Amino acid sequence: MQHLVNNGCLSRQNANMVLPTIYGALYKNSSGHWNATVEGLAQNVLKMYMEYDLTLYDKCSTDYFKWEEATKKKITDDEERWTKLKDEAKNNFPNSVQS
């Protein structure tokens, strides 16, 4: 991580391209990574970007949480669809479908 900071990859000039791409991973790693060093570095990078451009940071945060909600909804919808299909299969072919 320090290498990326020192080489300018995580600089203010690249923030519009970089932060939307890495926000999700940084957020996940900043709250509960098994390695405390990784967790701390992720927190520091998020703080750095927050200080660079709060508006961009807020947009990335909002977009990430919207994406998370949409992903959860899709998983729930898929599970419900599979349950319905299994139930229909059991009703239509009671001797051939296993649970």
N, C-alpha and C. Protein backbone atom coordinates (compact mmCIF):
# COMPACT_ATOMS: atom_id res chain seq x y z
N MET A 1 0.82 -1.18 0.00
CA MET A 1 0.00 0.00 0.00
C MET A 1 0.87 1.25 0.00
N GLN A 2 1.88 1.25 0.84
CA GLN A 2 2.78 2.40 0.91
C GLN A 2 3.43 2.63 -0.44
N HIS A 3 3.75 1.56 -1.14
CA HIS A 3 4.33 1.64 -2.48
C HIS A 3 3.40 2.41 -3.43
N LEU A 4 2.11 2.13 -3.35
CA LEU A 4 1.14 2.82 -4.21
C LEU A 4 1.06 4.31 -3.88
N VAL A 5 1.14 4.62 -2.60
CA VAL A 5 1.09 6.03 -2.19
C VAL A 5 2.34 6.75 -2.66
N ASN A 6 3.51 6.14 -2.45
CA ASN A 6 4.77 6.78 -2.81
C ASN A 6 4.92 6.96 -4.32
N ASN A 7 4.35 6.09 -5.12
CA ASN A 7 4.46 6.19 -6.57
C ASN A 7 3.35 7.02 -7.21
N GLY A 8 2.50 7.60 -6.42
CA GLY A 8 1.48 8.49 -6.95
C GLY A 8 0.23 7.81 -7.46
N CYS A 9 0.14 6.50 -7.34
CA CYS A 9 -1.05 5.79 -7.82
C CYS A 9 -2.29 6.19 -7.03
N LEU A 10 -2.11 6.50 -5.77
CA LEU A 10 -3.24 6.90 -4.92
C LEU A 10 -3.25 8.40 -4.67
N SER A 11 -2.76 9.15 -5.63
CA SER A 11 -2.65 10.59 -5.45
C SER A 11 -3.98 11.28 -5.68
N ARG A 12 -4.01 12.53 -5.31
CA ARG A 12 -5.21 13.36 -5.50
C ARG A 12 -5.57 13.47 -6.98
N GLN A 13 -4.57 13.53 -7.86
CA GLN A 13 -4.82 13.68 -9.29
C GLN A 13 -5.54 12.46 -9.87
N ASN A 14 -5.32 11.28 -9.29
CA ASN A 14 -5.94 10.06 -9.81
C ASN A 14 -7.20 9.66 -9.03
N ALA A 15 -7.60 10.46 -8.09
CA ALA A 15 -8.70 10.09 -7.19
C ALA A 15 -9.99 9.75 -7.93
N ASN A 16 -10.35 10.52 -8.95
CA ASN A 16 -11.60 10.28 -9.68
C ASN A 16 -11.64 8.93 -10.37
N MET A 17 -10.48 8.41 -10.75
CA MET A 17 -10.42 7.09 -11.39
C MET A 17 -10.24 5.98 -10.37
N VAL A 18 -9.42 6.23 -9.37
CA VAL A 18 -9.01 5.16 -8.46
C VAL A 18 -10.05 4.88 -7.38
N LEU A 19 -10.52 5.90 -6.70
CA LEU A 19 -11.39 5.66 -5.56
C LEU A 19 -12.67 4.89 -5.91
N PRO A 20 -13.38 5.23 -6.98
CA PRO A 20 -14.58 4.43 -7.30
C PRO A 20 -14.26 2.95 -7.53
N THR A 21 -13.07 2.67 -8.00
CA THR A 21 -12.68 1.29 -8.28
C THR A 21 -12.33 0.52 -7.01
N ILE A 22 -11.68 1.18 -6.06
CA ILE A 22 -11.17 0.46 -4.89
C ILE A 22 -11.96 0.70 -3.61
N TYR A 23 -12.98 1.56 -3.67
CA TYR A 23 -13.70 1.91 -2.45
C TYR A 23 -14.25 0.67 -1.73
N GLY A 24 -14.92 -0.21 -2.45
CA GLY A 24 -15.53 -1.38 -1.83
C GLY A 24 -14.52 -2.23 -1.08
N ALA A 25 -13.41 -2.51 -1.71
CA ALA A 25 -12.37 -3.33 -1.06
C ALA A 25 -11.79 -2.60 0.15
N LEU A 26 -11.56 -1.30 0.01
CA LEU A 26 -11.03 -0.54 1.14
C LEU A 26 -12.01 -0.55 2.30
N TYR A 27 -13.28 -0.35 1.98
CA TYR A 27 -14.29 -0.31 3.04
C TYR A 27 -14.35 -1.65 3.77
N LYS A 28 -14.42 -2.74 3.02
CA LYS A 28 -14.48 -4.06 3.64
C LYS A 28 -13.24 -4.33 4.49
N ASN A 29 -12.08 -4.01 3.95
CA ASN A 29 -10.84 -4.28 4.68
C ASN A 29 -10.62 -3.33 5.85
N SER A 30 -11.28 -2.19 5.85
CA SER A 30 -11.10 -1.22 6.94
C SER A 30 -11.92 -1.56 8.17
N SER A 31 -12.81 -2.49 8.03
CA SER A 31 -13.67 -2.83 9.19
C SER A 31 -13.75 -4.35 9.36
N GLY A 32 -12.72 -4.88 9.97
CA GLY A 32 -12.78 -6.29 10.31
C GLY A 32 -11.87 -7.22 9.55
N HIS A 33 -10.81 -6.73 8.94
CA HIS A 33 -9.86 -7.63 8.28
C HIS A 33 -9.10 -8.39 9.34
N TRP A 34 -8.79 -9.65 9.07
CA TRP A 34 -8.09 -10.48 10.08
C TRP A 34 -6.68 -9.98 10.38
N ASN A 35 -6.09 -9.24 9.42
CA ASN A 35 -4.75 -8.71 9.61
C ASN A 35 -4.86 -7.23 10.01
N ALA A 36 -4.42 -6.90 11.20
CA ALA A 36 -4.55 -5.54 11.72
C ALA A 36 -3.81 -4.52 10.87
N THR A 37 -2.70 -4.90 10.26
CA THR A 37 -1.94 -3.98 9.41
C THR A 37 -2.74 -3.62 8.17
N VAL A 38 -3.35 -4.61 7.55
CA VAL A 38 -4.18 -4.36 6.36
C VAL A 38 -5.36 -3.48 6.74
N GLU A 39 -5.98 -3.79 7.85
CA GLU A 39 -7.12 -2.99 8.32
C GLU A 39 -6.70 -1.53 8.53
N GLY A 40 -5.58 -1.31 9.17
CA GLY A 40 -5.09 0.04 9.42
C GLY A 40 -4.74 0.79 8.14
N LEU A 41 -4.09 0.10 7.21
CA LEU A 41 -3.75 0.74 5.94
C LEU A 41 -5.01 1.13 5.16
N ALA A 42 -5.99 0.24 5.15
CA ALA A 42 -7.23 0.55 4.45
C ALA A 42 -7.91 1.76 5.08
N GLN A 43 -7.93 1.82 6.39
CA GLN A 43 -8.51 2.97 7.09
C GLN A 43 -7.76 4.25 6.74
N ASN A 44 -6.44 4.17 6.68
CA ASN A 44 -5.64 5.35 6.36
C ASN A 44 -5.88 5.84 4.94
N VAL A 45 -6.01 4.92 4.00
CA VAL A 45 -6.25 5.31 2.61
C VAL A 45 -7.64 5.93 2.48
N LEU A 46 -8.63 5.34 3.14
CA LEU A 46 -9.97 5.95 3.10
C LEU A 46 -9.95 7.36 3.69
N LYS A 47 -9.26 7.52 4.80
CA LYS A 47 -9.15 8.84 5.42
C LYS A 47 -8.45 9.83 4.48
N MET A 48 -7.41 9.35 3.81
CA MET A 48 -6.67 10.20 2.88
C MET A 48 -7.60 10.69 1.76
N TYR A 49 -8.38 9.78 1.19
CA TYR A 49 -9.29 10.18 0.12
C TYR A 49 -10.41 11.08 0.65
N MET A 50 -10.85 10.84 1.87
CA MET A 50 -11.87 11.70 2.46
C MET A 50 -11.34 13.13 2.57
N GLU A 51 -10.08 13.26 2.94
CA GLU A 51 -9.46 14.58 3.05
C GLU A 51 -9.20 15.20 1.68
N TYR A 52 -8.88 14.37 0.68
CA TYR A 52 -8.65 14.88 -0.68
C TYR A 52 -9.91 15.53 -1.24
N ASP A 53 -11.02 14.77 -1.18
CA ASP A 53 -12.24 15.21 -1.85
C ASP A 53 -13.44 14.56 -1.17
N LEU A 54 -14.04 15.27 -0.24
CA LEU A 54 -15.15 14.72 0.53
C LEU A 54 -16.36 14.41 -0.36
N THR A 55 -16.59 15.23 -1.36
CA THR A 55 -17.73 15.00 -2.26
C THR A 55 -17.56 13.68 -3.02
N LEU A 56 -16.38 13.45 -3.56
CA LEU A 56 -16.10 12.20 -4.26
C LEU A 56 -16.21 11.02 -3.30
N TYR A 57 -15.66 11.17 -2.11
CA TYR A 57 -15.71 10.11 -1.11
C TYR A 57 -17.17 9.76 -0.78
N ASP A 58 -17.99 10.77 -0.54
CA ASP A 58 -19.40 10.54 -0.23
C ASP A 58 -20.13 9.86 -1.38
N LYS A 59 -19.82 10.26 -2.61
CA LYS A 59 -20.45 9.63 -3.78
C LYS A 59 -20.06 8.16 -3.87
N CYS A 60 -18.79 7.86 -3.66
CA CYS A 60 -18.33 6.47 -3.71
C CYS A 60 -18.98 5.65 -2.61
N SER A 61 -19.10 6.23 -1.44
CA SER A 61 -19.72 5.55 -0.32
C SER A 61 -21.19 5.26 -0.62
N THR A 62 -21.90 6.25 -1.09
CA THR A 62 -23.32 6.08 -1.43
C THR A 62 -23.49 5.04 -2.53
N ASP A 63 -22.68 5.13 -3.57
CA ASP A 63 -22.76 4.16 -4.67
C ASP A 63 -22.47 2.74 -4.19
N TYR A 64 -21.50 2.61 -3.31
CA TYR A 64 -21.14 1.28 -2.79
C TYR A 64 -22.30 0.68 -2.01
N PHE A 65 -22.91 1.46 -1.12
CA PHE A 65 -24.00 0.93 -0.32
C PHE A 65 -25.24 0.64 -1.16
N LYS A 66 -25.48 1.42 -2.19
CA LYS A 66 -26.57 1.11 -3.13
C LYS A 66 -26.30 -0.21 -3.85
N TRP A 67 -25.06 -0.39 -4.28
CA TRP A 67 -24.67 -1.63 -4.95
C TRP A 67 -24.84 -2.82 -4.01
N GLU A 68 -24.42 -2.65 -2.75
CA GLU A 68 -24.56 -3.73 -1.76
C GLU A 68 -26.02 -4.12 -1.58
N GLU A 69 -26.90 -3.12 -1.46
CA GLU A 69 -28.33 -3.39 -1.30
C GLU A 69 -28.90 -4.09 -2.54
N ALA A 70 -28.52 -3.62 -3.71
CA ALA A 70 -29.00 -4.25 -4.94
C ALA A 70 -28.52 -5.69 -5.05
N THR A 71 -27.30 -5.95 -4.63
CA THR A 71 -26.75 -7.30 -4.66
C THR A 71 -27.50 -8.21 -3.70
N LYS A 72 -27.77 -7.72 -2.49
CA LYS A 72 -28.54 -8.50 -1.52
C LYS A 72 -29.93 -8.80 -2.04
N LYS A 73 -30.56 -7.81 -2.66
CA LYS A 73 -31.91 -8.01 -3.21
C LYS A 73 -31.89 -9.04 -4.32
N LYS A 74 -30.89 -8.98 -5.17
CA LYS A 74 -30.79 -9.95 -6.26
C LYS A 74 -30.62 -11.37 -5.71
N ILE A 75 -29.80 -11.52 -4.69
CA ILE A 75 -29.60 -12.84 -4.09
C ILE A 75 -30.91 -13.36 -3.50
N THR A 76 -31.62 -12.49 -2.79
CA THR A 76 -32.91 -12.88 -2.21
C THR A 76 -33.90 -13.26 -3.30
N ASP A 77 -33.97 -12.44 -4.35
CA ASP A 77 -34.88 -12.73 -5.46
C ASP A 77 -34.53 -14.06 -6.13
N ASP A 78 -33.24 -14.31 -6.32
CA ASP A 78 -32.81 -15.57 -6.93
C ASP A 78 -33.19 -16.76 -6.06
N GLU A 79 -32.99 -16.63 -4.76
CA GLU A 79 -33.34 -17.72 -3.84
C GLU A 79 -34.85 -17.99 -3.87
N GLU A 80 -35.64 -16.92 -3.89
CA GLU A 80 -37.09 -17.09 -3.97
C GLU A 80 -37.50 -17.76 -5.28
N ARG A 81 -36.87 -17.38 -6.36
CA ARG A 81 -37.18 -17.97 -7.66
C ARG A 81 -36.86 -19.46 -7.67
N TRP A 82 -35.71 -19.85 -7.10
CA TRP A 82 -35.33 -21.26 -7.03
C TRP A 82 -36.31 -22.04 -6.16
N THR A 83 -36.74 -21.45 -5.06
CA THR A 83 -37.69 -22.12 -4.18
C THR A 83 -39.00 -22.37 -4.93
N LYS A 84 -39.47 -21.38 -5.66
CA LYS A 84 -40.70 -21.55 -6.44
C LYS A 84 -40.54 -22.65 -7.49
N LEU A 85 -39.40 -22.65 -8.17
CA LEU A 85 -39.15 -23.68 -9.18
C LEU A 85 -39.12 -25.07 -8.57
N LYS A 86 -38.48 -25.21 -7.42
CA LYS A 86 -38.43 -26.50 -6.74
C LYS A 86 -39.83 -26.95 -6.33
N ASP A 87 -40.62 -26.01 -5.79
CA ASP A 87 -41.97 -26.34 -5.38
C ASP A 87 -42.82 -26.78 -6.57
N GLU A 88 -42.70 -26.07 -7.68
CA GLU A 88 -43.43 -26.44 -8.90
C GLU A 88 -43.01 -27.82 -9.39
N ALA A 89 -41.72 -28.07 -9.36
CA ALA A 89 -41.22 -29.37 -9.80
C ALA A 89 -41.75 -30.49 -8.90
N LYS A 90 -41.77 -30.25 -7.58
CA LYS A 90 -42.30 -31.25 -6.65
C LYS A 90 -43.78 -31.53 -6.92
N ASN A 91 -44.53 -30.46 -7.20
CA ASN A 91 -45.96 -30.61 -7.46
C ASN A 91 -46.24 -31.32 -8.78
N ASN A 92 -45.43 -31.01 -9.78
CA ASN A 92 -45.67 -31.58 -11.12
C ASN A 92 -45.06 -32.96 -11.29
N PHE A 93 -43.98 -33.23 -10.58
CA PHE A 93 -43.29 -34.51 -10.71
C PHE A 93 -42.92 -35.03 -9.30
N PRO A 94 -43.90 -35.43 -8.52
CA PRO A 94 -43.65 -35.77 -7.12
C PRO A 94 -42.71 -36.95 -6.92
N ASN A 95 -42.61 -37.85 -7.86
CA ASN A 95 -41.78 -39.03 -7.69
C ASN A 95 -40.36 -38.86 -8.19
N SER A 96 -40.10 -37.79 -8.91
CA SER A 96 -38.77 -37.68 -9.51
C SER A 96 -37.90 -36.55 -8.96
N VAL A 97 -38.45 -35.69 -8.15
CA VAL A 97 -37.69 -34.56 -7.64
C VAL A 97 -37.29 -34.81 -6.19
N GLN A 98 -36.00 -34.63 -5.93
CA GLN A 98 -35.49 -34.79 -4.58
C GLN A 98 -35.30 -33.44 -3.92
N SER A 99 -35.43 -33.37 -2.61
CA SER A 99 -35.28 -32.11 -1.88
C SER A 99 -33.85 -31.70 -1.77
